[in-house]
Protein backbone atom coordinates (compact mmCIF):
# COMPACT_ATOMS: atom_id res chain seq x y z
CA MET A 1 5.23 -34.53 4.35
CA ILE A 2 8.08 -32.11 4.06
CA GLU A 3 8.61 -30.09 7.28
CA TYR A 4 11.12 -27.36 8.07
CA SER A 5 11.69 -24.97 10.92
CA TYR A 6 12.85 -21.43 11.23
CA ASN A 7 13.00 -18.64 13.89
CA VAL A 8 11.32 -16.23 11.54
CA VAL A 9 9.46 -16.79 8.30
CA VAL A 10 8.54 -14.07 6.11
CA VAL A 11 5.66 -14.40 3.47
CA GLY A 12 6.25 -12.22 0.48
CA SER A 13 9.62 -10.78 -0.93
CA GLY A 14 8.53 -7.34 -2.12
CA PRO A 15 10.27 -4.36 -0.69
CA ALA A 16 8.48 -5.02 2.88
CA GLY A 17 9.33 -8.69 2.97
CA LEU A 18 13.04 -8.13 1.78
CA ALA A 19 13.59 -5.47 4.34
CA ALA A 20 11.88 -7.51 7.11
CA ALA A 21 14.08 -10.71 6.37
CA THR A 22 17.24 -8.43 6.32
CA ALA A 23 16.33 -6.88 9.74
CA ALA A 24 15.28 -9.96 11.44
CA LYS A 25 18.82 -11.50 10.42
CA GLU A 26 20.44 -8.41 11.76
CA ALA A 27 18.68 -8.30 14.99
CA GLY A 28 19.97 -12.00 15.73
CA ALA A 29 17.44 -14.37 14.49
CA ALA A 30 19.34 -17.55 13.63
CA GLY A 31 17.06 -18.83 10.73
CA VAL A 32 15.13 -16.62 8.50
CA LEU A 33 13.28 -17.87 5.46
CA ILE A 34 11.17 -16.06 2.87
CA VAL A 35 8.38 -17.84 0.92
CA GLU A 36 7.68 -16.27 -2.29
CA ARG A 37 5.05 -17.51 -4.86
CA ASP A 38 6.69 -15.76 -7.74
CA VAL A 39 9.91 -17.02 -9.50
CA SER A 40 11.83 -14.01 -8.32
CA SER A 41 11.88 -11.41 -5.53
CA GLY A 42 11.07 -7.74 -5.85
CA GLY A 43 7.23 -7.75 -6.01
CA ILE A 44 5.73 -4.79 -7.89
CA LEU A 45 9.09 -3.11 -8.22
CA GLN A 46 10.11 -5.47 -10.90
CA GLN A 47 7.78 -3.65 -13.41
CA CYS A 48 8.31 -0.19 -12.21
CA ILE A 49 10.81 0.89 -14.52
CA HIS A 50 10.45 4.73 -14.05
CA SER A 51 12.63 6.53 -11.58
CA GLY A 52 11.85 8.22 -8.17
CA PHE A 53 12.63 5.22 -5.75
CA GLY A 54 15.28 5.20 -2.99
CA LEU A 55 15.49 9.01 -2.16
CA LYS A 56 14.64 8.55 1.60
CA ILE A 57 16.54 5.40 2.32
CA PHE A 58 19.61 5.48 -0.17
CA GLY A 59 19.74 8.99 -0.81
CA LYS A 60 19.54 8.68 -4.59
CA GLU A 61 17.04 8.16 -7.35
CA LEU A 62 16.64 4.59 -8.41
CA THR A 63 14.39 2.71 -10.99
CA GLY A 64 12.17 0.01 -9.38
CA PRO A 65 14.42 -2.93 -10.54
CA GLU A 66 17.55 -1.30 -9.24
CA TYR A 67 15.86 -0.78 -5.73
CA ALA A 68 14.62 -4.31 -5.80
CA GLU A 69 18.26 -5.60 -6.64
CA ILE A 70 19.84 -3.66 -3.75
CA ALA A 71 17.16 -4.74 -1.34
CA TYR A 72 17.77 -8.38 -2.66
CA LYS A 73 21.60 -8.29 -2.23
CA LYS A 74 21.35 -6.97 1.36
CA ALA A 75 18.99 -9.93 2.20
CA SER A 76 21.32 -12.49 0.38
CA GLU A 77 24.36 -11.08 2.33
CA ALA A 78 22.59 -11.17 5.73
CA GLY A 79 22.16 -14.87 5.23
CA VAL A 80 18.35 -15.02 4.39
CA GLU A 81 17.09 -18.28 2.95
CA TRP A 82 14.41 -18.27 -0.11
CA MET A 83 11.86 -20.82 -0.90
CA ILE A 84 10.42 -19.31 -4.27
CA HIS A 85 7.56 -20.59 -6.56
CA THR A 86 5.80 -21.58 -3.20
CA THR A 87 2.45 -20.44 -2.01
CA ALA A 88 1.44 -20.06 1.36
CA LEU A 89 -2.11 -21.58 2.09
CA GLU A 90 -2.78 -21.41 5.78
CA ILE A 91 -1.51 -20.34 8.89
CA ARG A 92 -1.87 -22.55 12.01
CA GLU A 93 -0.52 -22.23 15.71
CA HIS A 94 3.17 -21.68 14.89
CA LEU A 95 2.79 -23.39 11.65
CA LEU A 96 2.65 -22.23 8.05
CA VAL A 97 1.39 -24.56 5.46
CA CYS A 98 2.48 -24.10 1.99
CA ALA A 99 2.57 -25.83 -1.49
CA ASN A 100 4.96 -26.10 -4.48
CA SER A 101 5.69 -28.48 -7.09
CA ARG A 102 7.09 -30.84 -4.45
CA GLY A 103 3.74 -30.94 -2.57
CA LEU A 104 2.57 -29.50 0.76
CA ILE A 105 5.26 -28.17 2.92
CA TYR A 106 4.83 -27.43 6.67
CA ILE A 107 6.97 -24.62 8.01
CA ARG A 108 7.34 -24.26 11.90
CA PHE A 109 8.24 -20.69 13.05
CA ASP A 110 8.91 -18.96 16.26
CA ALA A 111 7.63 -15.67 14.51
CA LEU A 112 5.85 -15.04 11.20
CA VAL A 113 5.94 -11.86 9.15
CA LEU A 114 3.14 -11.10 6.52
CA ALA A 115 4.27 -9.08 3.60
CA MET A 116 1.76 -10.09 0.81
CA GLY A 117 1.41 -6.54 -0.42
CA CYS A 118 -1.82 -5.47 -2.35
CA ARG A 119 -3.77 -5.98 -5.36
CA GLU A 120 -5.75 -3.70 -7.76
CA ARG A 121 -9.43 -3.31 -7.65
CA THR A 122 -10.81 -4.61 -11.11
CA ARG A 123 -14.05 -3.71 -13.07
CA GLY A 124 -16.08 -6.44 -11.24
CA ASN A 125 -15.36 -4.27 -8.07
CA LEU A 126 -16.73 -1.30 -9.92
CA THR A 127 -20.04 -2.62 -11.32
CA ILE A 128 -19.67 -0.22 -14.40
CA PRO A 129 -22.45 -0.97 -16.88
CA GLY A 130 -21.64 -1.79 -20.53
CA SER A 131 -20.52 -4.46 -22.70
CA ARG A 132 -17.53 -6.91 -22.16
CA PRO A 133 -15.25 -6.09 -24.93
CA SER A 134 -11.22 -6.65 -24.86
CA GLY A 135 -9.14 -3.60 -24.26
CA ILE A 136 -9.96 -3.07 -20.61
CA PHE A 137 -7.04 -3.42 -18.28
CA THR A 138 -6.02 -2.53 -14.79
CA ALA A 139 -3.10 -0.10 -14.78
CA GLY A 140 -0.94 -2.64 -13.17
CA THR A 141 -1.58 -5.15 -15.85
CA ALA A 142 -0.89 -2.77 -18.51
CA GLN A 143 2.40 -1.85 -16.73
CA LYS A 144 3.56 -5.36 -16.70
CA LEU A 145 2.45 -6.11 -20.37
CA MET A 146 4.36 -3.05 -21.53
CA ASN A 147 7.65 -2.97 -19.09
CA ILE A 148 8.02 -6.61 -18.82
CA LYS A 149 6.65 -8.48 -21.87
CA GLY A 150 7.14 -5.54 -24.44
CA TYR A 151 3.36 -5.36 -25.70
CA SER A 152 1.71 -2.37 -26.62
CA VAL A 153 -1.87 -2.09 -24.99
CA GLY A 154 -3.37 0.51 -27.28
CA ARG A 155 -3.36 3.78 -29.18
CA GLU A 156 -6.31 5.78 -27.73
CA ILE A 157 -6.37 5.75 -24.18
CA VAL A 158 -8.75 6.67 -21.24
CA ILE A 159 -7.64 6.05 -17.59
CA LEU A 160 -10.38 5.80 -14.84
CA GLY A 161 -9.01 7.01 -11.70
CA SER A 162 -6.30 9.17 -10.73
CA GLY A 163 -4.37 6.73 -8.44
CA ASP A 164 -0.39 6.85 -8.78
CA ILE A 165 -0.12 3.82 -11.20
CA GLY A 166 -2.58 5.34 -13.56
CA MET A 167 -0.90 8.66 -13.82
CA ILE A 168 2.38 7.02 -14.18
CA MET A 169 0.92 4.80 -16.89
CA ALA A 170 -0.40 7.90 -18.52
CA ARG A 171 3.13 9.22 -18.95
CA ARG A 172 4.56 5.75 -20.06
CA LEU A 173 2.02 5.52 -22.77
CA THR A 174 2.52 8.86 -24.08
CA LEU A 175 6.29 8.30 -24.39
CA GLU A 176 5.39 4.99 -26.28
CA GLY A 177 3.34 7.03 -28.77
CA ALA A 178 -0.07 6.47 -27.56
CA ARG A 179 -2.58 9.29 -26.99
CA VAL A 180 -3.90 9.41 -23.54
CA LYS A 181 -7.35 11.50 -24.04
CA ALA A 182 -8.37 11.80 -20.32
CA VAL A 183 -7.61 10.81 -16.79
CA VAL A 184 -11.30 10.33 -15.31
CA GLU A 185 -11.84 10.74 -11.45
CA TYR A 186 -14.88 10.77 -9.69
CA LEU A 187 -13.71 12.41 -6.63
CA PRO A 188 -13.21 16.14 -6.53
CA TYR A 189 -9.58 16.12 -5.81
CA LEU A 190 -6.74 14.05 -6.78
CA ALA A 191 -6.41 10.29 -5.53
CA GLY A 192 -2.56 10.02 -5.94
CA LEU A 193 0.57 12.22 -5.11
CA VAL A 194 0.46 15.77 -6.42
CA ARG A 195 4.16 15.21 -7.64
CA ASN A 196 2.89 12.53 -10.05
CA LYS A 197 0.14 14.77 -11.32
CA VAL A 198 2.66 17.36 -12.10
CA GLN A 199 5.28 15.02 -13.72
CA CYS A 200 3.03 12.66 -15.52
CA LEU A 201 -0.13 14.59 -16.35
CA ASP A 202 0.53 18.49 -16.48
CA ASP A 203 4.09 18.11 -17.98
CA TYR A 204 2.42 16.12 -21.07
CA GLY A 205 -0.79 18.08 -21.29
CA ILE A 206 -3.06 15.06 -20.34
CA PRO A 207 -6.51 16.43 -19.09
CA LEU A 208 -7.66 15.49 -15.64
CA ARG A 209 -11.46 15.36 -15.38
CA LEU A 210 -12.08 15.60 -11.58
CA SER A 211 -15.83 14.95 -10.47
CA HIS A 212 -16.42 12.77 -13.43
CA THR A 213 -17.00 8.97 -13.99
CA ILE A 214 -17.80 6.45 -16.74
CA VAL A 215 -21.21 5.52 -16.81
CA ASP A 216 -21.06 3.09 -19.96
CA MET A 217 -18.49 1.24 -21.94
CA ASN A 218 -19.11 0.69 -25.74
CA GLY A 219 -17.90 -1.86 -28.28
CA CYS A 220 -18.37 -5.37 -29.22
CA ASP A 221 -15.19 -7.19 -29.75
CA ARG A 222 -12.94 -4.18 -28.56
CA ILE A 223 -13.75 -1.28 -26.73
CA THR A 224 -14.53 1.68 -28.84
CA SER A 225 -15.56 4.43 -26.50
CA VAL A 226 -16.53 5.25 -23.16
CA THR A 227 -19.60 7.54 -21.97
CA ILE A 228 -18.21 9.77 -18.93
CA ALA A 229 -20.64 12.04 -16.95
CA PRO A 230 -20.13 14.55 -14.11
CA VAL A 231 -21.05 13.49 -10.54
CA ASP A 232 -23.12 15.62 -8.14
CA ALA A 233 -22.31 16.35 -4.42
CA CYS A 234 -23.45 12.93 -3.46
CA ARG A 235 -21.12 11.35 -6.12
CA ALA A 236 -24.12 10.13 -8.12
CA PRO A 237 -23.74 10.55 -12.00
CA ILE A 238 -25.73 13.31 -14.03
CA PRO A 239 -26.67 11.44 -17.02
CA GLU A 240 -28.04 14.44 -18.98
CA LYS A 241 -24.59 15.94 -19.01
CA SER A 242 -22.83 12.94 -20.26
CA GLU A 243 -20.40 12.76 -23.27
CA GLU A 244 -18.74 10.19 -25.33
CA ILE A 245 -14.89 9.83 -25.66
CA LEU A 246 -13.52 7.65 -28.58
CA CYS A 247 -10.92 5.11 -27.30
CA ASP A 248 -9.53 1.71 -27.98
CA THR A 249 -8.26 0.98 -24.54
CA LEU A 250 -9.36 1.75 -21.09
CA LEU A 251 -7.04 1.52 -17.95
CA LEU A 252 -8.64 1.08 -14.46
CA SER A 253 -6.65 2.86 -11.60
CA VAL A 254 -9.24 2.57 -8.94
CA GLY A 255 -7.55 1.77 -5.83
CA LEU A 256 -5.69 -1.15 -4.06
CA ILE A 257 -6.73 -3.60 -1.53
CA PRO A 258 -4.38 -5.30 0.96
CA GLU A 259 -3.86 -8.97 0.24
CA ASN A 260 -5.23 -10.61 3.31
CA GLU A 261 -6.80 -13.79 2.50
CA LEU A 262 -3.99 -15.64 4.21
CA SER A 263 -4.20 -13.43 7.13
CA LYS A 264 -7.94 -14.44 7.62
CA THR A 265 -6.86 -18.01 7.99
CA ALA A 266 -5.28 -17.02 11.08
CA GLU A 267 -8.24 -15.06 12.27
CA ILE A 268 -6.05 -11.69 12.65
CA SER A 269 -7.89 -8.54 13.48
CA LEU A 270 -8.41 -6.58 10.10
CA SER A 271 -9.17 -2.88 10.15
CA GLY A 272 -12.36 -1.76 8.49
CA ALA A 273 -10.71 1.57 7.24
CA THR A 274 -7.61 0.23 5.85
CA LYS A 275 -8.96 -3.37 4.97
CA GLY A 276 -5.57 -4.34 6.04
CA VAL A 277 -4.05 -6.11 9.45
CA GLU A 278 -4.24 -4.12 12.47
CA VAL A 279 -1.00 -3.68 14.30
CA ASN A 280 0.88 -1.91 17.29
CA GLN A 281 4.01 0.09 16.83
CA TYR A 282 6.17 -2.97 16.54
CA MET A 283 4.03 -4.07 13.76
CA GLN A 284 2.49 -6.95 15.83
CA THR A 285 -0.95 -8.21 14.94
CA SER A 286 -3.59 -9.54 17.51
CA ARG A 287 -1.91 -12.85 17.22
CA PRO A 288 1.25 -12.05 19.23
CA SER A 289 3.65 -14.36 17.17
CA ILE A 290 2.50 -12.90 13.93
CA PHE A 291 3.78 -9.36 12.48
CA ALA A 292 2.68 -7.41 9.21
CA CYS A 293 4.14 -4.73 7.38
CA GLY A 294 3.91 -2.99 3.99
CA ASN A 295 0.69 -2.74 1.94
CA VAL A 296 -0.64 -5.84 3.55
CA VAL A 297 -1.35 -3.29 6.67
CA HIS A 298 -2.16 -0.08 4.60
CA VAL A 299 -1.47 1.11 1.20
CA ASN A 300 1.44 3.23 1.31
CA ASP A 301 2.27 6.06 -1.25
CA LEU A 302 6.27 5.70 -1.22
CA VAL A 303 8.27 2.42 -1.37
CA ASP A 304 10.89 3.77 1.12
CA ASN A 305 8.16 3.69 3.70
CA VAL A 306 7.34 0.24 2.96
CA SER A 307 10.90 -0.93 3.58
CA LEU A 308 11.06 1.16 6.80
CA GLU A 309 7.97 -0.69 7.84
CA GLY A 310 9.38 -3.85 6.89
CA ALA A 311 12.53 -3.35 8.79
CA LYS A 312 10.56 -2.52 11.88
CA ALA A 313 8.32 -5.68 11.59
CA GLY A 314 11.56 -7.94 10.92
CA LYS A 315 13.37 -6.49 14.03
CA SER A 316 10.35 -6.91 15.97
CA ALA A 317 9.78 -10.50 15.01
CA ALA A 318 13.22 -11.52 15.77
CA LEU A 319 13.16 -10.09 19.25
CA TYR A 320 9.66 -12.05 19.78
CA ALA A 321 11.53 -15.16 18.60
CA MET A 322 14.13 -14.61 21.26
CA GLY A 323 11.75 -13.44 24.01
CA MET A 324 12.92 -9.83 24.05
CA LEU A 325 10.12 -7.90 22.46
CA PRO A 326 9.02 -5.08 24.95
CA THR A 327 5.19 -5.57 26.29
CA GLY A 328 2.97 -3.56 28.17
CA ARG A 329 -0.40 -1.92 28.63
CA GLU A 330 -1.84 -1.32 25.27
CA VAL A 331 -4.26 1.53 24.25
CA PRO A 332 -6.15 1.98 20.88
CA VAL A 333 -5.62 4.64 18.37
CA HIS A 334 -8.64 6.13 16.88
CA SER A 335 -9.02 8.21 13.85
CA GLY A 336 -11.02 11.51 14.68
CA ASN A 337 -12.30 14.38 12.59
CA GLY A 338 -10.66 14.91 9.22
CA ILE A 339 -8.57 11.49 9.36
CA LEU A 340 -9.37 8.71 7.05
CA TYR A 341 -7.42 6.20 8.89
CA SER A 342 -4.49 5.97 11.29
CA CYS A 343 -1.87 3.44 11.76
CA PRO A 344 -0.72 1.68 14.00
CA GLN A 345 -4.00 1.08 15.48
CA ARG A 346 -2.66 0.21 19.02
CA LEU A 347 0.11 1.42 21.18
CA VAL A 348 2.04 -0.43 23.72
CA VAL A 349 2.63 2.24 26.51
CA ARG A 350 6.38 2.50 26.93
CA GLU A 351 8.19 5.60 28.09
CA THR A 352 11.68 4.67 26.67
CA GLU A 353 11.05 5.31 23.05
CA ASP A 354 9.19 7.82 20.63
CA VAL A 355 6.01 6.54 18.71
CA ALA A 356 5.39 7.47 15.25
CA LEU A 357 1.72 7.70 13.86
CA PHE A 358 1.04 7.61 10.00
CA PHE A 359 -2.50 8.66 8.78
CA ARG A 360 -4.29 9.92 5.76
CA PRO A 361 -6.31 12.88 5.79
CA ALA A 362 -9.92 12.45 4.79
CA ALA A 363 -10.02 15.50 2.49
CA PRO A 364 -7.83 18.23 1.01
CA GLY A 365 -7.17 20.91 3.25
CA ASN A 366 -4.90 24.19 3.76
CA ASP A 367 -3.24 25.24 6.75
CA VAL A 368 -4.01 22.03 8.70
CA ARG A 369 -2.86 21.25 12.10
CA PHE A 370 -2.93 17.55 12.80
CA SER A 371 -2.84 16.56 16.57
CA ALA A 372 -2.77 13.49 18.85
CA VAL A 373 -5.14 13.82 21.67
CA SER A 374 -5.60 11.67 24.85
CA ALA A 375 -7.91 12.43 27.70
CA GLY A 376 -8.23 16.06 26.49
CA ARG A 377 -4.41 16.65 26.32
CA GLU A 378 -2.71 17.32 23.01
CA LEU A 379 0.51 14.90 23.00
CA ALA A 380 1.82 15.82 19.62
CA TYR A 381 0.72 17.92 16.59
CA HIS A 382 2.16 18.62 13.19
CA LYS A 383 1.06 21.51 10.72
CA VAL A 384 1.17 21.50 7.17
CA ALA A 385 0.48 24.35 4.45
CA CYS A 386 -1.50 21.84 2.32
CA SER A 387 -2.81 18.26 2.81
CA ASN A 388 -4.25 15.73 0.59
CA PRO A 389 -5.60 12.29 1.01
CA GLY A 390 -3.06 10.95 -1.56
CA THR A 391 -0.10 11.71 0.77
CA ILE A 392 0.43 10.02 4.03
CA GLU A 393 1.23 12.30 7.17
CA GLN A 394 3.14 11.43 10.01
CA LEU A 395 2.96 12.47 13.71
CA THR A 396 5.56 11.52 16.56
CA VAL A 397 4.80 11.20 20.14
CA ARG A 398 7.97 11.98 22.07
CA LYS A 399 8.82 9.16 24.95
CA ASP A 400 8.23 11.73 27.48
CA ARG A 401 4.60 12.15 26.66
CA VAL A 402 3.93 8.45 26.09
CA GLY A 403 3.24 8.03 29.72
CA ASP A 404 0.30 10.45 29.56
CA LEU A 405 -1.75 8.09 27.23
CA LYS A 406 -5.12 7.18 28.92
CA GLU A 407 -7.87 5.00 27.60
CA PHE A 408 -7.21 5.78 24.03
CA LEU A 409 -5.37 7.99 21.57
CA MET A 410 -7.26 10.09 18.95
CA VAL A 411 -5.55 11.48 15.87
CA LEU A 412 -7.74 14.44 14.27
CA ALA A 413 -7.38 17.51 11.78
CA VAL A 414 -8.16 20.89 12.41
CA GLN A 415 -8.04 23.64 9.64
CA ARG A 416 -6.88 27.20 10.65
CA GLU A 417 -10.27 28.66 9.74
CA ALA A 418 -12.07 26.26 12.13
CA GLU A 419 -9.74 27.12 15.02
CA LYS A 420 -10.81 30.86 14.77
């Protein structure tokens, strides 16, 4: 049996994990270890060769590998240790059970940070009828095959779902000479960022078919076409209006799921809305010694925000390990009218610091006022000219208003027309 002991252990070395480990060392943790199942750090950033990362944190536009390299160097210079090609299997009381080529490894920790990221939904999650030919990929798999392995995935492409990875891959495939015939989205609005629609679809003349879905996949050895149909107000397909699109490749960009199989072994509370770990503003879970950050908590739309969450979790974990993390009365945060989910799900009431709330609108809106309300009193608000579920919004409750928190805090959205 192989045993180790560290003040802070971080599971995962994507942008969240790297930021968490660096922040833990900078906050004073003596021993910080990253456990990574891959052979290198960086997570999904390794295959994201397009630019657009780092504007918020570094003030310049970087590609994914460039961003990952900077984050890796910062962690290395801070004195973080690594254990790569190692899979975390189970969380016990202050003990992480792992496995690698050397066998089972037991790592004792004072504080643990979960930064496992998320995974893509697959065809099996969608129950789309049809045959099972080759040529069907998740968008992330196609991205890895093209950007890391150097393979072409197809020439005539249809993409199901308007998530960010799908739109980015539509542009990438077009630049490589493929023809993207349609991006099909069953919702009546965009699922990803508007800027990605403009830069990846509009600029290249790629059609976006809103309120449509795929009802059949055709082909024997290789996919030859898909049948799409519009959906009604209840999002049920209308078969009599279906049409066939010839293609040799189908990419699925139909959402991401936080990777929480490890979290479940620790019986940590999960959110029904985000499918991720529930946390307070210190990124602390229902298990006091365990913290979580990044896409394992909720799927973010910007990697910079993932890193900021990671840094917060790492600092909090270090403070907990040293017995210095603030405590106090906790109140739950609920998602009210017009809000899909909010994060954190709990707040520690402390009047010494501002509290940031992150949330997704449930539907697109214009002239929207987002409010944080407790016991009938508005503690904070934020107005936007245009909101979309693909973009995370933020509210900040100032420290002089935190003391007004009562039994719970509710985040809600009100459109200007409804206020009149």
